[in-house]
Amino acid sequence: MTKRRRLPVVTAAVLVAHAGCFSTSYTPRADGRITMASEGGTPALVKDGKIYSANADGLSQAVAGNPSAEAHARSYNRGMNIFYAGYLVALGGFITGLSLQSNSDEMGVQQPDHSGRIAAGVGIAFASLALMIFAACQASAARTHYLDAINIYNDDVVPRPPPSPAMMPGPRAPPPQVGAPEVTPLPMAPPPAVPTPYESPAP
């Protein structure tokens, strides 16, 4: 491998290695609402300063206490379970269907065509592809329930008043300098009296 080809490979490896080293430094104000954040490069949920994982268990813990949001969280969990199970079954069936369409044996020797075997392989492959599409639709619907759970929970949170100005940190006065001489201001002399044009000067 030349240096020109090796450089993109090394760069990609470094980027992947550092993908999980970043987190959000901003912490939302504790107002009872659920916000999205990043913890260690992975999505997370934050509520009142507490971090929850962005999976089904973390969502259920974050929306606990709100029946409507909990129902959407359960729908999300159920939809994702169907997605994972359907995707794994479809992947295995698709590989099986492709293997049935091959005419070579384990040693790579071509065997006579078996129309029934090839037809079965084609049917299994198409059925697996349809199952993958169904699993993807379940994942998309589950994502909708995920967002609905968060939005419904946030809508039902009672607004909290912002912190009063007295509790907010203000500018601090500079500390007194030790040993500095005290300066006393001099008294100001009164301005001289100026006679008006209608007054005659005193004799």
Protein backbone atom coordinates (compact mmCIF):
# COMPACT_ATOMS: atom_id res chain seq x y z
CA MET A 1 0.00 0.00 0.00
CA THR A 2 1.47 3.31 -1.04
CA LYS A 3 1.63 6.34 1.20
CA ARG A 4 -1.08 8.08 -0.84
CA ARG A 5 -3.51 5.21 -0.24
CA ARG A 6 -2.45 4.66 3.35
CA LEU A 7 -3.19 8.25 4.43
CA PRO A 8 -7.03 8.13 3.94
CA VAL A 9 -7.18 4.78 5.74
CA VAL A 10 -5.26 6.10 8.73
CA THR A 11 -7.34 9.28 8.80
CA ALA A 12 -10.59 7.31 8.78
CA ALA A 13 -9.34 5.06 11.58
CA VAL A 14 -8.43 8.08 13.71
CA LEU A 15 -11.84 9.67 13.15
CA VAL A 16 -13.65 6.48 14.10
CA ALA A 17 -11.49 6.07 17.21
CA HIS A 18 -12.29 9.60 18.34
CA ALA A 19 -16.00 9.46 17.45
CA GLY A 20 -16.95 8.52 20.99
CA CYS A 21 -14.74 11.04 22.76
CA PHE A 22 -17.02 14.05 22.55
CA SER A 23 -19.89 15.16 24.76
CA THR A 24 -22.01 18.26 25.00
CA SER A 25 -20.65 20.76 27.49
CA TYR A 26 -23.93 22.67 27.90
CA THR A 27 -26.31 21.55 30.64
CA PRO A 28 -29.93 22.71 30.17
CA ARG A 29 -31.66 24.57 32.97
CA ALA A 30 -33.47 22.25 35.41
CA ASP A 31 -37.06 23.03 34.44
CA GLY A 32 -38.48 19.48 34.42
CA ARG A 33 -38.36 19.10 30.63
CA ILE A 34 -36.55 16.44 28.64
CA THR A 35 -33.85 17.57 26.23
CA MET A 36 -31.54 15.74 23.84
CA ALA A 37 -27.81 15.74 24.46
CA SER A 38 -24.67 13.75 23.65
CA GLU A 39 -22.74 11.77 26.22
CA GLY A 40 -19.52 10.15 25.09
CA GLY A 41 -20.51 10.50 21.44
CA THR A 42 -23.86 8.71 21.91
CA PRO A 43 -27.31 10.34 22.13
CA ALA A 44 -28.71 10.83 25.63
CA LEU A 45 -31.70 12.35 27.40
CA VAL A 46 -31.28 15.00 30.10
CA LYS A 47 -33.94 15.97 32.66
CA ASP A 48 -33.26 18.12 35.73
CA GLY A 49 -29.54 17.54 35.35
CA LYS A 50 -29.87 13.73 35.26
CA ILE A 51 -28.70 11.86 32.17
CA TYR A 52 -30.68 8.93 30.75
CA SER A 53 -29.67 6.66 27.90
CA ALA A 54 -31.51 7.31 24.65
CA ASN A 55 -32.80 3.73 24.37
CA ALA A 56 -36.20 2.34 25.34
CA ASP A 57 -35.28 1.88 29.02
CA GLY A 58 -33.93 5.41 29.34
CA LEU A 59 -37.00 6.86 27.65
CA SER A 60 -39.32 4.95 29.98
CA GLN A 61 -37.43 6.25 33.02
CA ALA A 62 -37.41 9.84 31.75
CA VAL A 63 -41.18 9.99 31.06
CA ALA A 64 -42.22 8.05 34.17
CA GLY A 65 -45.27 9.56 35.82
CA ASN A 66 -47.02 10.66 32.61
CA PRO A 67 -49.46 7.92 31.44
CA SER A 68 -49.75 9.21 27.86
CA ALA A 69 -46.00 9.53 27.44
CA GLU A 70 -45.46 6.11 29.01
CA ALA A 71 -47.86 4.55 26.46
CA HIS A 72 -45.83 6.03 23.58
CA ALA A 73 -42.62 4.80 25.21
CA ARG A 74 -44.04 1.26 25.33
CA SER A 75 -45.08 1.53 21.68
CA TYR A 76 -41.54 2.60 20.81
CA ASN A 77 -40.09 -0.36 22.69
CA ARG A 78 -42.46 -2.79 21.00
CA GLY A 79 -41.78 -1.37 17.54
CA MET A 80 -38.00 -1.57 17.97
CA ASN A 81 -38.23 -5.18 19.18
CA ILE A 82 -40.23 -6.07 16.06
CA PHE A 83 -37.66 -4.26 13.92
CA TYR A 84 -34.66 -6.10 15.36
CA ALA A 85 -36.34 -9.49 15.24
CA GLY A 86 -37.67 -8.98 11.71
CA TYR A 87 -34.36 -7.65 10.42
CA LEU A 88 -32.37 -10.59 11.77
CA VAL A 89 -34.83 -13.15 10.39
CA ALA A 90 -34.92 -11.36 7.02
CA LEU A 91 -31.14 -11.20 6.82
CA GLY A 92 -30.81 -14.90 7.52
CA GLY A 93 -33.54 -15.73 4.99
CA PHE A 94 -31.97 -13.54 2.33
CA ILE A 95 -28.62 -15.29 2.71
CA THR A 96 -30.34 -18.67 2.59
CA GLY A 97 -32.23 -17.69 -0.55
CA LEU A 98 -29.05 -16.64 -2.28
CA SER A 99 -27.30 -19.88 -1.32
CA LEU A 100 -30.16 -21.96 -2.73
CA GLN A 101 -29.81 -20.23 -6.09
CA SER A 102 -26.17 -21.27 -6.39
CA ASN A 103 -25.38 -24.38 -8.44
CA SER A 104 -21.96 -25.00 -6.90
CA ASP A 105 -21.38 -27.37 -4.02
CA GLU A 106 -19.09 -26.90 -1.03
CA MET A 107 -16.03 -27.64 -3.17
CA GLY A 108 -17.03 -25.06 -5.79
CA VAL A 109 -17.99 -27.65 -8.39
CA GLN A 110 -20.95 -26.72 -10.58
CA GLN A 111 -23.91 -29.07 -10.18
CA PRO A 112 -26.85 -29.65 -12.52
CA ASP A 113 -29.57 -27.04 -12.34
CA HIS A 114 -32.42 -27.82 -9.97
CA SER A 115 -35.37 -25.65 -10.97
CA GLY A 116 -37.20 -26.35 -7.73
CA ARG A 117 -34.25 -25.35 -5.59
CA ILE A 118 -33.67 -22.16 -7.56
CA ALA A 119 -37.35 -21.24 -7.37
CA ALA A 120 -37.34 -21.81 -3.61
CA GLY A 121 -34.26 -19.63 -3.26
CA VAL A 122 -35.85 -16.81 -5.26
CA GLY A 123 -39.03 -17.04 -3.21
CA ILE A 124 -37.16 -16.97 0.10
CA ALA A 125 -35.05 -14.02 -1.05
CA PHE A 126 -38.09 -11.97 -2.08
CA ALA A 127 -39.93 -12.86 1.13
CA SER A 128 -36.89 -11.80 3.16
CA LEU A 129 -36.71 -8.51 1.26
CA ALA A 130 -40.38 -7.85 2.02
CA LEU A 131 -39.74 -8.62 5.69
CA MET A 132 -36.85 -6.13 5.73
CA ILE A 133 -39.14 -3.42 4.34
CA PHE A 134 -41.75 -4.25 6.98
CA ALA A 135 -39.11 -4.07 9.72
CA ALA A 136 -37.93 -0.68 8.44
CA CYS A 137 -41.51 0.63 8.57
CA GLN A 138 -41.79 -0.56 12.16
CA ALA A 139 -38.59 1.28 13.06
CA SER A 140 -39.89 4.48 11.45
CA ALA A 141 -43.18 4.24 13.35
CA ALA A 142 -41.30 3.53 16.58
CA ARG A 143 -39.23 6.68 16.08
CA THR A 144 -42.45 8.67 15.85
CA HIS A 145 -43.62 7.24 19.18
CA TYR A 146 -40.22 8.14 20.66
CA LEU A 147 -40.62 11.81 19.76
CA ASP A 148 -44.28 11.84 20.80
CA ALA A 149 -43.37 10.53 24.24
CA ILE A 150 -40.88 13.35 24.79
CA ASN A 151 -43.14 16.08 23.40
CA ILE A 152 -46.19 14.96 25.38
CA TYR A 153 -44.16 14.82 28.58
CA ASN A 154 -42.70 18.29 27.99
CA ASP A 155 -46.12 19.78 27.23
CA ASP A 156 -47.49 18.59 30.57
CA VAL A 157 -44.60 19.98 32.62
CA VAL A 158 -45.70 22.91 34.77
CA PRO A 159 -43.56 25.95 33.87
CA ARG A 160 -41.16 26.92 36.60
CA PRO A 161 -40.35 30.59 37.27
CA PRO A 162 -36.86 31.67 36.32
CA PRO A 163 -34.40 32.29 39.15
CA SER A 164 -34.83 35.68 40.83
CA PRO A 165 -32.18 38.34 40.21
CA ALA A 166 -31.24 38.21 43.91
CA MET A 167 -30.17 34.57 43.49
CA MET A 168 -28.21 35.24 40.32
CA PRO A 169 -24.53 36.05 40.75
CA GLY A 170 -23.74 39.70 40.12
CA PRO A 171 -20.52 41.65 39.68
CA ARG A 172 -18.27 41.55 42.68
CA ALA A 173 -16.70 44.65 44.19
CA PRO A 174 -12.92 44.77 43.96
CA PRO A 175 -11.23 43.69 47.19
CA PRO A 176 -9.65 46.48 49.26
CA GLN A 177 -5.95 46.94 48.80
CA VAL A 178 -3.94 46.32 51.92
CA GLY A 179 -1.53 49.14 52.78
CA ALA A 180 -2.89 51.61 50.26
CA PRO A 181 -2.89 55.24 51.59
CA GLU A 182 -6.25 56.81 52.20
CA VAL A 183 -6.93 59.88 50.07
CA THR A 184 -9.16 62.54 51.62
CA PRO A 185 -10.75 64.89 49.09
CA LEU A 186 -10.08 68.63 49.66
CA PRO A 187 -13.08 70.89 50.41
CA MET A 188 -14.16 72.99 47.47
CA ALA A 189 -14.05 76.81 47.92
CA PRO A 190 -17.31 78.66 47.27
CA PRO A 191 -17.41 80.60 43.98
CA PRO A 192 -16.84 84.42 44.23
CA ALA A 193 -19.91 86.65 44.28
CA VAL A 194 -20.47 88.44 41.00
CA PRO A 195 -22.54 91.68 41.21
CA THR A 196 -25.49 91.95 38.90
CA PRO A 197 -25.78 94.92 36.46
CA TYR A 198 -28.53 96.47 38.60
CA GLU A 199 -26.43 96.55 41.76
CA SER A 200 -24.13 99.45 42.56
CA PRO A 201 -20.78 98.64 44.02
CA ALA A 202 -20.42 99.16 47.74
CA PRO A 203 -18.74 102.55 48.72
